[in-house]
Amino acid sequence: MKVPPPISPNLITALRLPLAPLAVAFAVQETTWGYVAAAAVVVLLELTDLADGWMARRYGHVTDFGKLFDPFSDAFCRFTLFLGLFAIGVADLWMIMVIFYRDSSISFFRTVAAVRNVVLAARQSGKIKALVQGIGTVLIFLSLALGPALPAVPLLKDLPWWTMLIVTWVTAASFLDYFHANLPLLRAAWDAPPEGD
């Protein structure tokens, strides 16, 4: 008999959604306490991202809804954080555009695949992208929090932008990998009539 998880993994995923806007609300104050609070929320955000997946697997509570909800929550939260970083001048507009275009494109690829009754497999580049984005956002917000306390460490001033640059390039590389891998699917769907016609 399966032991139910102490808390629903999908509930943990849902509770993550307001954390990203909260972190941004702290960060846009552009004060030391605001950056510290934002960094604490971002760390909590990433820990709960690990917790929901671990709990779902540990207790055999993986659901079809959860398989869709978790990546949606990841994209929602991280893009919210990136918008906040753009608002405070850490990220450039082109970086935000690259990340948005990548996520929108992969969603479109998944929709095309679903219409054609094909499961779009997760790719290693997507897992690497998620890992780099997760570590990158934590590193950026920790740098913002520690910067005012350690003015003698000039690296902390430039680290957020350079980290964001790495995140952006890894995200762009993931898009190219998905596009190349799914080009046959897209070509097949390009002129295909609706099923049943």
N, C-alpha and C. Protein backbone atom coordinates (compact mmCIF):
# COMPACT_ATOMS: atom_id res chain seq x y z
N MET A 1 0.84 -1.20 0.00
CA MET A 1 0.00 0.00 0.00
C MET A 1 0.87 1.26 0.00
N LYS A 2 0.58 2.17 -0.92
CA LYS A 2 1.37 3.39 -1.03
C LYS A 2 1.10 4.32 0.15
N VAL A 3 2.18 4.91 0.66
CA VAL A 3 2.05 5.91 1.71
C VAL A 3 1.87 7.27 1.04
N PRO A 4 0.79 7.99 1.36
CA PRO A 4 0.59 9.30 0.72
C PRO A 4 1.66 10.29 1.18
N PRO A 5 2.04 11.21 0.32
CA PRO A 5 3.04 12.22 0.73
C PRO A 5 2.47 13.12 1.81
N PRO A 6 3.33 13.65 2.69
CA PRO A 6 2.84 14.54 3.74
C PRO A 6 2.18 15.81 3.21
N ILE A 7 2.57 16.21 2.03
CA ILE A 7 1.95 17.36 1.37
C ILE A 7 1.97 17.07 -0.13
N SER A 8 0.94 17.46 -0.82
CA SER A 8 0.84 17.20 -2.26
C SER A 8 1.96 17.91 -3.01
N PRO A 9 2.71 17.18 -3.85
CA PRO A 9 3.74 17.84 -4.66
C PRO A 9 3.17 18.96 -5.52
N ASN A 10 1.95 18.77 -6.03
CA ASN A 10 1.34 19.82 -6.85
C ASN A 10 1.03 21.07 -6.02
N LEU A 11 0.72 20.86 -4.74
CA LEU A 11 0.49 22.01 -3.85
C LEU A 11 1.78 22.78 -3.64
N ILE A 12 2.89 22.05 -3.46
CA ILE A 12 4.19 22.72 -3.32
C ILE A 12 4.47 23.54 -4.57
N THR A 13 4.22 22.94 -5.73
CA THR A 13 4.43 23.65 -7.00
C THR A 13 3.57 24.91 -7.06
N ALA A 14 2.31 24.80 -6.63
CA ALA A 14 1.41 25.95 -6.66
C ALA A 14 1.88 27.05 -5.70
N LEU A 15 2.39 26.65 -4.55
CA LEU A 15 2.84 27.63 -3.56
C LEU A 15 4.07 28.39 -4.03
N ARG A 16 4.78 27.84 -5.02
CA ARG A 16 5.95 28.52 -5.56
C ARG A 16 5.57 29.75 -6.38
N LEU A 17 4.38 29.73 -7.00
CA LEU A 17 4.02 30.77 -7.95
C LEU A 17 4.08 32.19 -7.38
N PRO A 18 3.57 32.44 -6.16
CA PRO A 18 3.65 33.82 -5.65
C PRO A 18 5.05 34.22 -5.15
N LEU A 19 5.95 33.25 -5.02
CA LEU A 19 7.27 33.58 -4.48
C LEU A 19 8.09 34.46 -5.43
N ALA A 20 7.99 34.18 -6.74
CA ALA A 20 8.78 34.97 -7.70
C ALA A 20 8.35 36.44 -7.72
N PRO A 21 7.04 36.75 -7.82
CA PRO A 21 6.65 38.16 -7.75
C PRO A 21 7.06 38.81 -6.42
N LEU A 22 7.03 38.04 -5.34
CA LEU A 22 7.44 38.58 -4.04
C LEU A 22 8.93 38.94 -4.07
N ALA A 23 9.75 38.06 -4.64
CA ALA A 23 11.18 38.34 -4.74
C ALA A 23 11.43 39.60 -5.55
N VAL A 24 10.69 39.75 -6.66
CA VAL A 24 10.84 40.94 -7.50
C VAL A 24 10.41 42.19 -6.74
N ALA A 25 9.31 42.08 -5.98
CA ALA A 25 8.84 43.23 -5.20
C ALA A 25 9.91 43.70 -4.21
N PHE A 26 10.64 42.76 -3.63
CA PHE A 26 11.74 43.12 -2.72
C PHE A 26 12.90 43.73 -3.51
N ALA A 27 13.26 43.09 -4.64
CA ALA A 27 14.45 43.51 -5.38
C ALA A 27 14.30 44.92 -5.95
N VAL A 28 13.10 45.28 -6.43
CA VAL A 28 12.94 46.59 -7.07
C VAL A 28 13.01 47.74 -6.06
N GLN A 29 13.04 47.42 -4.77
CA GLN A 29 13.29 48.47 -3.78
C GLN A 29 14.72 49.00 -3.90
N GLU A 30 15.60 48.12 -4.44
CA GLU A 30 17.02 48.46 -4.65
C GLU A 30 17.68 48.98 -3.37
N THR A 31 17.35 48.30 -2.28
CA THR A 31 17.97 48.58 -0.99
C THR A 31 18.66 47.31 -0.53
N THR A 32 19.56 47.45 0.44
CA THR A 32 20.28 46.28 0.94
C THR A 32 19.31 45.26 1.51
N TRP A 33 18.37 45.72 2.35
CA TRP A 33 17.42 44.76 2.94
C TRP A 33 16.53 44.14 1.87
N GLY A 34 16.20 44.93 0.83
CA GLY A 34 15.37 44.40 -0.25
C GLY A 34 16.08 43.29 -1.00
N TYR A 35 17.37 43.48 -1.29
CA TYR A 35 18.15 42.45 -1.98
C TYR A 35 18.32 41.20 -1.11
N VAL A 36 18.52 41.41 0.17
CA VAL A 36 18.67 40.26 1.09
C VAL A 36 17.37 39.46 1.14
N ALA A 37 16.25 40.16 1.26
CA ALA A 37 14.95 39.48 1.29
C ALA A 37 14.68 38.77 -0.02
N ALA A 38 15.00 39.43 -1.13
CA ALA A 38 14.80 38.81 -2.45
C ALA A 38 15.64 37.55 -2.59
N ALA A 39 16.89 37.63 -2.14
CA ALA A 39 17.78 36.46 -2.24
C ALA A 39 17.24 35.30 -1.41
N ALA A 40 16.72 35.60 -0.21
CA ALA A 40 16.16 34.55 0.64
C ALA A 40 14.96 33.88 -0.03
N VAL A 41 14.11 34.68 -0.66
CA VAL A 41 12.93 34.14 -1.34
C VAL A 41 13.34 33.30 -2.55
N VAL A 42 14.36 33.75 -3.28
CA VAL A 42 14.82 33.00 -4.45
C VAL A 42 15.41 31.65 -4.04
N VAL A 43 16.18 31.63 -2.96
CA VAL A 43 16.72 30.36 -2.45
C VAL A 43 15.57 29.43 -2.07
N LEU A 44 14.55 29.96 -1.39
CA LEU A 44 13.39 29.16 -1.03
C LEU A 44 12.68 28.64 -2.28
N LEU A 45 12.60 29.49 -3.28
CA LEU A 45 11.96 29.12 -4.55
C LEU A 45 12.66 27.92 -5.19
N GLU A 46 13.98 27.96 -5.22
CA GLU A 46 14.73 26.86 -5.84
C GLU A 46 14.67 25.60 -4.98
N LEU A 47 14.66 25.74 -3.67
CA LEU A 47 14.56 24.57 -2.80
C LEU A 47 13.21 23.88 -2.96
N THR A 48 12.14 24.66 -3.09
CA THR A 48 10.82 24.06 -3.29
C THR A 48 10.70 23.44 -4.67
N ASP A 49 11.47 23.97 -5.64
CA ASP A 49 11.49 23.36 -6.97
C ASP A 49 12.08 21.94 -6.88
N LEU A 50 13.10 21.79 -6.06
CA LEU A 50 13.68 20.46 -5.85
C LEU A 50 12.72 19.58 -5.05
N ALA A 51 12.05 20.19 -4.07
CA ALA A 51 11.22 19.42 -3.15
C ALA A 51 10.00 18.80 -3.83
N ASP A 52 9.35 19.54 -4.72
CA ASP A 52 8.13 18.98 -5.32
C ASP A 52 8.44 17.76 -6.18
N GLY A 53 9.52 17.84 -6.96
CA GLY A 53 9.89 16.70 -7.80
C GLY A 53 10.35 15.51 -6.97
N TRP A 54 11.15 15.80 -5.93
CA TRP A 54 11.64 14.71 -5.07
C TRP A 54 10.48 14.00 -4.38
N MET A 55 9.53 14.79 -3.87
CA MET A 55 8.41 14.19 -3.15
C MET A 55 7.52 13.37 -4.08
N ALA A 56 7.31 13.87 -5.29
CA ALA A 56 6.47 13.15 -6.25
C ALA A 56 7.09 11.79 -6.56
N ARG A 57 8.42 11.76 -6.76
CA ARG A 57 9.09 10.49 -7.06
C ARG A 57 9.19 9.60 -5.83
N ARG A 58 9.50 10.19 -4.70
CA ARG A 58 9.71 9.43 -3.46
C ARG A 58 8.45 8.68 -3.04
N TYR A 59 7.30 9.31 -3.21
CA TYR A 59 6.05 8.71 -2.76
C TYR A 59 5.22 8.15 -3.93
N GLY A 60 5.82 8.08 -5.11
CA GLY A 60 5.10 7.55 -6.26
C GLY A 60 3.85 8.35 -6.58
N HIS A 61 3.95 9.67 -6.43
CA HIS A 61 2.80 10.54 -6.60
C HIS A 61 2.94 11.41 -7.85
N VAL A 62 3.59 10.86 -8.89
CA VAL A 62 3.75 11.57 -10.16
C VAL A 62 2.40 11.55 -10.89
N THR A 63 1.95 12.72 -11.34
CA THR A 63 0.66 12.82 -12.04
C THR A 63 0.87 13.49 -13.39
N ASP A 64 -0.08 13.25 -14.31
CA ASP A 64 -0.03 13.92 -15.61
C ASP A 64 -0.11 15.44 -15.43
N PHE A 65 -0.94 15.87 -14.49
CA PHE A 65 -1.07 17.31 -14.22
C PHE A 65 0.27 17.86 -13.74
N GLY A 66 0.91 17.14 -12.83
CA GLY A 66 2.19 17.59 -12.29
C GLY A 66 3.28 17.69 -13.34
N LYS A 67 3.24 16.76 -14.31
CA LYS A 67 4.24 16.79 -15.39
C LYS A 67 4.13 18.06 -16.22
N LEU A 68 2.94 18.63 -16.30
CA LEU A 68 2.73 19.88 -17.03
C LEU A 68 2.88 21.10 -16.11
N PHE A 69 2.41 20.94 -14.88
CA PHE A 69 2.38 22.06 -13.94
C PHE A 69 3.78 22.48 -13.50
N ASP A 70 4.66 21.48 -13.28
CA ASP A 70 6.00 21.80 -12.79
C ASP A 70 6.80 22.63 -13.79
N PRO A 71 6.88 22.23 -15.08
CA PRO A 71 7.62 23.09 -16.01
C PRO A 71 6.96 24.46 -16.23
N PHE A 72 5.61 24.50 -16.15
CA PHE A 72 4.94 25.80 -16.25
C PHE A 72 5.37 26.69 -15.09
N SER A 73 5.38 26.12 -13.88
CA SER A 73 5.77 26.88 -12.70
C SER A 73 7.22 27.35 -12.81
N ASP A 74 8.11 26.48 -13.30
CA ASP A 74 9.51 26.87 -13.50
C ASP A 74 9.60 28.07 -14.42
N ALA A 75 8.94 27.98 -15.57
CA ALA A 75 9.01 29.06 -16.56
C ALA A 75 8.39 30.34 -16.01
N PHE A 76 7.24 30.22 -15.35
CA PHE A 76 6.56 31.38 -14.77
C PHE A 76 7.45 32.09 -13.77
N CYS A 77 8.03 31.31 -12.85
CA CYS A 77 8.83 31.89 -11.77
C CYS A 77 10.12 32.50 -12.29
N ARG A 78 10.82 31.75 -13.12
CA ARG A 78 12.12 32.26 -13.58
C ARG A 78 11.96 33.46 -14.50
N PHE A 79 10.95 33.44 -15.36
CA PHE A 79 10.77 34.59 -16.24
C PHE A 79 10.37 35.82 -15.44
N THR A 80 9.60 35.62 -14.39
CA THR A 80 9.25 36.73 -13.49
C THR A 80 10.51 37.32 -12.87
N LEU A 81 11.41 36.44 -12.41
CA LEU A 81 12.67 36.91 -11.83
C LEU A 81 13.51 37.66 -12.85
N PHE A 82 13.55 37.15 -14.09
CA PHE A 82 14.34 37.80 -15.13
C PHE A 82 13.77 39.19 -15.46
N LEU A 83 12.44 39.30 -15.46
CA LEU A 83 11.83 40.61 -15.68
C LEU A 83 12.22 41.58 -14.56
N GLY A 84 12.26 41.07 -13.33
CA GLY A 84 12.69 41.89 -12.21
C GLY A 84 14.14 42.34 -12.36
N LEU A 85 14.99 41.45 -12.83
CA LEU A 85 16.40 41.80 -13.05
C LEU A 85 16.54 42.84 -14.15
N PHE A 86 15.67 42.75 -15.17
CA PHE A 86 15.67 43.78 -16.20
C PHE A 86 15.24 45.12 -15.62
N ALA A 87 14.25 45.09 -14.73
CA ALA A 87 13.72 46.33 -14.14
C ALA A 87 14.78 47.06 -13.32
N ILE A 88 15.70 46.31 -12.72
CA ILE A 88 16.72 46.97 -11.89
C ILE A 88 18.05 47.11 -12.63
N GLY A 89 18.05 46.82 -13.93
CA GLY A 89 19.23 47.07 -14.74
C GLY A 89 20.29 45.98 -14.74
N VAL A 90 19.98 44.83 -14.20
CA VAL A 90 20.95 43.73 -14.18
C VAL A 90 20.94 42.98 -15.51
N ALA A 91 19.77 42.83 -16.11
CA ALA A 91 19.62 42.12 -17.39
C ALA A 91 19.29 43.11 -18.49
N ASP A 92 19.78 42.85 -19.69
CA ASP A 92 19.47 43.68 -20.85
C ASP A 92 18.19 43.17 -21.51
N LEU A 93 17.53 44.05 -22.26
CA LEU A 93 16.28 43.68 -22.91
C LEU A 93 16.46 42.49 -23.85
N TRP A 94 17.55 42.46 -24.59
CA TRP A 94 17.75 41.37 -25.55
C TRP A 94 17.85 40.02 -24.85
N MET A 95 18.38 40.02 -23.63
CA MET A 95 18.47 38.77 -22.86
C MET A 95 17.07 38.25 -22.53
N ILE A 96 16.22 39.16 -22.08
CA ILE A 96 14.84 38.78 -21.74
C ILE A 96 14.11 38.28 -22.98
N MET A 97 14.36 38.92 -24.11
CA MET A 97 13.71 38.51 -25.36
C MET A 97 14.15 37.11 -25.77
N VAL A 98 15.44 36.82 -25.66
CA VAL A 98 15.95 35.48 -26.02
C VAL A 98 15.29 34.41 -25.16
N ILE A 99 15.22 34.66 -23.85
CA ILE A 99 14.63 33.68 -22.93
C ILE A 99 13.14 33.50 -23.22
N PHE A 100 12.44 34.60 -23.47
CA PHE A 100 11.02 34.52 -23.78
C PHE A 100 10.77 33.77 -25.09
N TYR A 101 11.55 34.10 -26.11
CA TYR A 101 11.37 33.44 -27.41
C TYR A 101 11.66 31.95 -27.32
N ARG A 102 12.67 31.57 -26.54
CA ARG A 102 12.99 30.15 -26.40
C ARG A 102 11.83 29.41 -25.76
N ASP A 103 11.34 29.91 -24.63
CA ASP A 103 10.27 29.21 -23.91
C ASP A 103 8.98 29.18 -24.74
N SER A 104 8.66 30.26 -25.43
CA SER A 104 7.47 30.30 -26.27
C SER A 104 7.59 29.30 -27.42
N SER A 105 8.78 29.22 -27.99
CA SER A 105 8.99 28.30 -29.12
C SER A 105 8.86 26.85 -28.68
N ILE A 106 9.43 26.51 -27.53
CA ILE A 106 9.35 25.12 -27.05
C ILE A 106 7.89 24.77 -26.75
N SER A 107 7.14 25.71 -26.20
CA SER A 107 5.71 25.47 -25.97
C SER A 107 4.98 25.20 -27.28
N PHE A 108 5.35 25.96 -28.31
CA PHE A 108 4.75 25.76 -29.63
C PHE A 108 5.12 24.38 -30.19
N PHE A 109 6.39 24.00 -30.04
CA PHE A 109 6.82 22.68 -30.51
C PHE A 109 6.02 21.58 -29.82
N ARG A 110 5.81 21.74 -28.52
CA ARG A 110 5.06 20.72 -27.76
C ARG A 110 3.61 20.65 -28.25
N THR A 111 3.04 21.79 -28.57
CA THR A 111 1.66 21.80 -29.07
C THR A 111 1.57 21.12 -30.43
N VAL A 112 2.50 21.42 -31.32
CA VAL A 112 2.53 20.77 -32.63
C VAL A 112 2.67 19.26 -32.46
N ALA A 113 3.56 18.85 -31.56
CA ALA A 113 3.76 17.42 -31.33
C ALA A 113 2.49 16.77 -30.80
N ALA A 114 1.82 17.44 -29.87
CA ALA A 114 0.59 16.88 -29.29
C ALA A 114 -0.50 16.72 -30.34
N VAL A 115 -0.63 17.70 -31.24
CA VAL A 115 -1.62 17.62 -32.31
C VAL A 115 -1.36 16.42 -33.20
N ARG A 116 -0.09 16.09 -33.37
CA ARG A 116 0.28 14.95 -34.22
C ARG A 116 0.48 13.66 -33.42
N ASN A 117 -0.01 13.68 -32.16
CA ASN A 117 0.08 12.50 -31.28
C ASN A 117 1.51 12.02 -31.08
N VAL A 118 2.40 12.98 -30.94
CA VAL A 118 3.81 12.69 -30.69
C VAL A 118 4.17 13.32 -29.35
N VAL A 119 4.94 12.58 -28.55
CA VAL A 119 5.42 13.13 -27.28
C VAL A 119 6.77 13.79 -27.53
N LEU A 120 6.84 15.07 -27.24
CA LEU A 120 8.11 15.79 -27.42
C LEU A 120 9.01 15.45 -26.24
N ALA A 121 10.04 14.67 -26.50
CA ALA A 121 10.91 14.19 -25.43
C ALA A 121 11.73 15.34 -24.85
N ALA A 122 11.94 15.29 -23.54
CA ALA A 122 12.83 16.24 -22.90
C ALA A 122 14.25 15.97 -23.39
N ARG A 123 15.01 17.01 -23.60
CA ARG A 123 16.37 16.87 -24.10
C ARG A 123 17.37 17.30 -23.03
N GLN A 124 18.57 16.77 -23.18
CA GLN A 124 19.62 17.09 -22.20
C GLN A 124 19.86 18.59 -22.12
N SER A 125 19.76 19.27 -23.26
CA SER A 125 19.99 20.71 -23.27
C SER A 125 18.95 21.44 -22.43
N GLY A 126 17.72 20.91 -22.40
CA GLY A 126 16.68 21.51 -21.58
C GLY A 126 16.97 21.36 -20.10
N LYS A 127 17.50 20.19 -19.73
CA LYS A 127 17.86 19.95 -18.32
C LYS A 127 19.02 20.84 -17.90
N ILE A 128 20.00 20.98 -18.81
CA ILE A 128 21.14 21.85 -18.52
C ILE A 128 20.67 23.30 -18.39
N LYS A 129 19.78 23.71 -19.30
CA LYS A 129 19.23 25.07 -19.26
C LYS A 129 18.55 25.34 -17.92
N ALA A 130 17.73 24.38 -17.46
CA ALA A 130 17.01 24.55 -16.19
C ALA A 130 18.00 24.65 -15.03
N LEU A 131 19.04 23.81 -15.05
CA LEU A 131 20.04 23.83 -13.98
C LEU A 131 20.79 25.15 -13.96
N VAL A 132 21.21 25.61 -15.14
CA VAL A 132 21.96 26.87 -15.22
C VAL A 132 21.09 28.05 -14.81
N GLN A 133 19.83 28.05 -15.23
CA GLN A 133 18.93 29.14 -14.83
C GLN A 133 18.72 29.14 -13.31
N GLY A 134 18.53 27.94 -12.73
CA GLY A 134 18.30 27.86 -11.29
C GLY A 134 19.50 28.34 -10.50
N ILE A 135 20.69 27.81 -10.83
CA ILE A 135 21.91 28.22 -10.13
C ILE A 135 22.20 29.69 -10.42
N GLY A 136 21.99 30.10 -11.67
CA GLY A 136 22.28 31.47 -12.06
C GLY A 136 21.45 32.49 -11.30
N THR A 137 20.16 32.25 -11.17
CA THR A 137 19.31 33.22 -10.46
C THR A 137 19.71 33.31 -8.98
N VAL A 138 20.02 32.18 -8.37
CA VAL A 138 20.46 32.21 -6.97
C VAL A 138 21.76 33.01 -6.85
N LEU A 139 22.70 32.74 -7.74
CA LEU A 139 23.99 33.45 -7.71
C LEU A 139 23.81 34.95 -7.92
N ILE A 140 22.94 35.32 -8.85
CA ILE A 140 22.70 36.74 -9.12
C ILE A 140 22.12 37.44 -7.89
N PHE A 141 21.10 36.85 -7.30
CA PHE A 141 20.46 37.51 -6.15
C PHE A 141 21.35 37.50 -4.91
N LEU A 142 22.15 36.46 -4.73
CA LEU A 142 23.11 36.46 -3.62
C LEU A 142 24.17 37.53 -3.83
N SER A 143 24.60 37.73 -5.07
CA SER A 143 25.58 38.78 -5.37
C SER A 143 25.01 40.16 -5.08
N LEU A 144 23.74 40.36 -5.45
CA LEU A 144 23.09 41.64 -5.16
C LEU A 144 22.98 41.88 -3.66
N ALA A 145 22.71 40.80 -2.91
CA ALA A 145 22.56 40.93 -1.46
C ALA A 145 23.90 41.19 -0.77
N LEU A 146 24.96 40.54 -1.26
CA LEU A 146 26.27 40.66 -0.62
C LEU A 146 27.06 41.88 -1.08
N GLY A 147 26.73 42.40 -2.26
CA GLY A 147 27.47 43.53 -2.82
C GLY A 147 27.63 44.72 -1.87
N PRO A 148 26.52 45.23 -1.30
CA PRO A 148 26.67 46.39 -0.41
C PRO A 148 27.48 46.10 0.86
N ALA A 149 27.44 44.85 1.30
CA ALA A 149 28.17 44.49 2.53
C ALA A 149 29.66 44.27 2.24
N LEU A 150 30.00 44.00 0.97
CA LEU A 150 31.40 43.72 0.61
C LEU A 150 31.83 44.62 -0.55
N PRO A 151 31.87 45.92 -0.32
CA PRO A 151 32.22 46.84 -1.42
C PRO A 151 33.65 46.65 -1.92
N ALA A 152 34.50 46.01 -1.11
CA ALA A 152 35.89 45.80 -1.50
C ALA A 152 36.05 44.66 -2.50
N VAL A 153 34.94 43.96 -2.78
CA VAL A 153 34.99 42.84 -3.74
C VAL A 153 34.29 43.29 -5.02
N PRO A 154 35.07 43.86 -5.97
CA PRO A 154 34.45 44.41 -7.19
C PRO A 154 33.75 43.35 -8.04
N LEU A 155 34.15 42.09 -7.89
CA LEU A 155 33.54 41.02 -8.67
C LEU A 155 32.03 40.97 -8.46
N LEU A 156 31.59 41.26 -7.23
CA LEU A 156 30.16 41.16 -6.91
C LEU A 156 29.33 42.17 -7.69
N LYS A 157 29.96 43.26 -8.11
CA LYS A 157 29.23 44.28 -8.86
C LYS A 157 28.93 43.80 -10.29
N ASP A 158 29.91 43.11 -10.90
CA ASP A 158 29.76 42.69 -12.29
C ASP A 158 29.21 41.27 -12.44
N LEU A 159 29.29 40.49 -11.37
CA LEU A 159 28.88 39.09 -11.47
C LEU A 159 27.44 38.89 -11.91
N PRO A 160 26.46 39.68 -11.43
CA PRO A 160 25.07 39.47 -11.87
C PRO A 160 24.90 39.56 -13.39
N TRP A 161 25.49 40.59 -14.02
CA TRP A 161 25.31 40.75 -15.47
C TRP A 161 25.98 39.61 -16.22
N TRP A 162 27.19 39.25 -15.84
CA TRP A 162 27.90 38.18 -16.53
C TRP A 162 27.21 36.84 -16.34
N THR A 163 26.66 36.63 -15.16
CA THR A 163 25.90 35.40 -14.91
C THR A 163 24.66 35.37 -15.80
N MET A 164 24.00 36.52 -15.92
CA MET A 164 22.81 36.61 -16.77
C MET A 164 23.19 36.35 -18.23
N LEU A 165 24.36 36.78 -18.64
CA LEU A 165 24.81 36.55 -20.01
C LEU A 165 24.99 35.04 -20.26
N ILE A 166 25.60 34.35 -19.30
CA ILE A 166 25.77 32.90 -19.43
C ILE A 166 24.42 32.20 -19.49
N VAL A 167 23.51 32.61 -18.61
CA VAL A 167 22.15 32.03 -18.60
C VAL A 167 21.49 32.21 -19.97
N THR A 168 21.65 33.39 -20.54
CA THR A 168 21.02 33.69 -21.83
C THR A 168 21.60 32.82 -22.95
N TRP A 169 22.92 32.69 -22.99
CA TRP A 169 23.55 31.89 -24.04
C TRP A 169 23.20 30.42 -23.93
N VAL A 170 23.15 29.91 -22.70
CA VAL A 170 22.77 28.50 -22.50
C VAL A 170 21.31 28.29 -22.93
N THR A 171 20.46 29.27 -22.62
CA THR A 171 19.06 29.19 -23.02
C THR A 171 18.92 29.21 -24.54
N ALA A 172 19.69 30.07 -25.20
CA ALA A 172 19.66 30.14 -26.67
C ALA A 172 20.16 28.83 -27.28
N ALA A 173 21.20 28.26 -26.70
CA ALA A 173 21.74 26.99 -27.21
C ALA A 173 20.71 25.88 -27.07
N SER A 174 19.94 25.92 -26.00
CA SER A 174 18.89 24.92 -25.80
C SER A 174 17.82 25.04 -26.88
N PHE A 175 17.47 26.28 -27.22
CA PHE A 175 16.49 26.47 -28.31
C PHE A 175 17.00 25.87 -29.62
N LEU A 176 18.25 26.14 -29.97
CA LEU A 176 18.81 25.62 -31.22
C LEU A 176 18.80 24.10 -31.22
N ASP A 177 19.10 23.50 -30.08
CA ASP A 177 19.11 22.04 -29.97
C ASP A 177 17.70 21.48 -30.18
N TYR A 178 16.71 22.07 -29.52
CA TYR A 178 15.32 21.61 -29.67
C TYR A 178 14.83 21.82 -31.11
N PHE A 179 15.17 22.96 -31.68
CA PHE A 179 14.72 23.25 -33.04
C PHE A 179 15.30 22.25 -34.03
N HIS A 180 16.60 21.99 -33.93
CA HIS A 180 17.25 21.04 -34.83
C HIS A 180 16.68 19.64 -34.66
N ALA A 181 16.47 19.23 -33.41
CA ALA A 181 15.97 17.87 -33.14
C ALA A 181 14.54 17.68 -33.63
N ASN A 182 13.76 18.75 -33.62
CA ASN A 182 12.34 18.63 -33.97
C ASN A 182 12.01 19.18 -35.35
N LEU A 183 13.04 19.49 -36.12
CA LEU A 183 12.81 20.01 -37.47
C LEU A 183 12.01 19.04 -38.34
N PRO A 184 12.28 17.73 -38.29
CA PRO A 184 11.45 16.81 -39.09
C PRO A 184 9.97 16.87 -38.71
N LEU A 185 9.69 16.98 -37.41
CA LEU A 185 8.30 17.09 -36.95
C LEU A 185 7.65 18.36 -37.49
N LEU A 186 8.37 19.47 -37.43
CA LEU A 186 7.83 20.74 -37.90
C LEU A 186 7.60 20.72 -39.42
N ARG A 187 8.53 20.11 -40.14
CA ARG A 187 8.38 20.00 -41.60
C ARG A 187 7.16 19.15 -41.95
N ALA A 188 7.00 18.04 -41.22
CA ALA A 188 5.88 17.15 -41.50
C ALA A 188 4.55 17.83 -41.21
N ALA A 189 4.53 18.71 -40.21
CA ALA A 189 3.29 19.37 -39.81
C ALA A 189 2.99 20.61 -40.65
N TRP A 190 4.00 21.12 -41.36
CA TRP A 190 3.89 22.42 -42.06
C TRP A 190 2.68 22.49 -42.98
N ASP A 191 2.52 21.51 -43.83
CA ASP A 191 1.41 21.53 -44.80
C ASP A 191 0.41 20.40 -44.58
N ALA A 192 0.54 19.72 -43.46
CA ALA A 192 -0.35 18.59 -43.22
C ALA A 192 -1.77 19.06 -42.96
N PRO A 193 -2.76 18.42 -43.59
CA PRO A 193 -4.16 18.81 -43.33
C PRO A 193 -4.58 18.37 -41.93
N PRO A 194 -5.63 18.96 -41.38
CA PRO A 194 -6.12 18.53 -40.06
C PRO A 194 -6.49 17.06 -40.08
N GLU A 195 -6.27 16.39 -38.96
CA GLU A 195 -6.61 14.98 -38.86
C GLU A 195 -8.11 14.82 -39.03
N GLY A 196 -8.51 13.82 -39.83
CA GLY A 196 -9.91 13.56 -40.06
C GLY A 196 -10.40 14.11 -41.39
N ASP A 197 -9.57 15.00 -42.01
CA ASP A 197 -9.96 15.53 -43.33
C ASP A 197 -9.62 14.52 -44.42
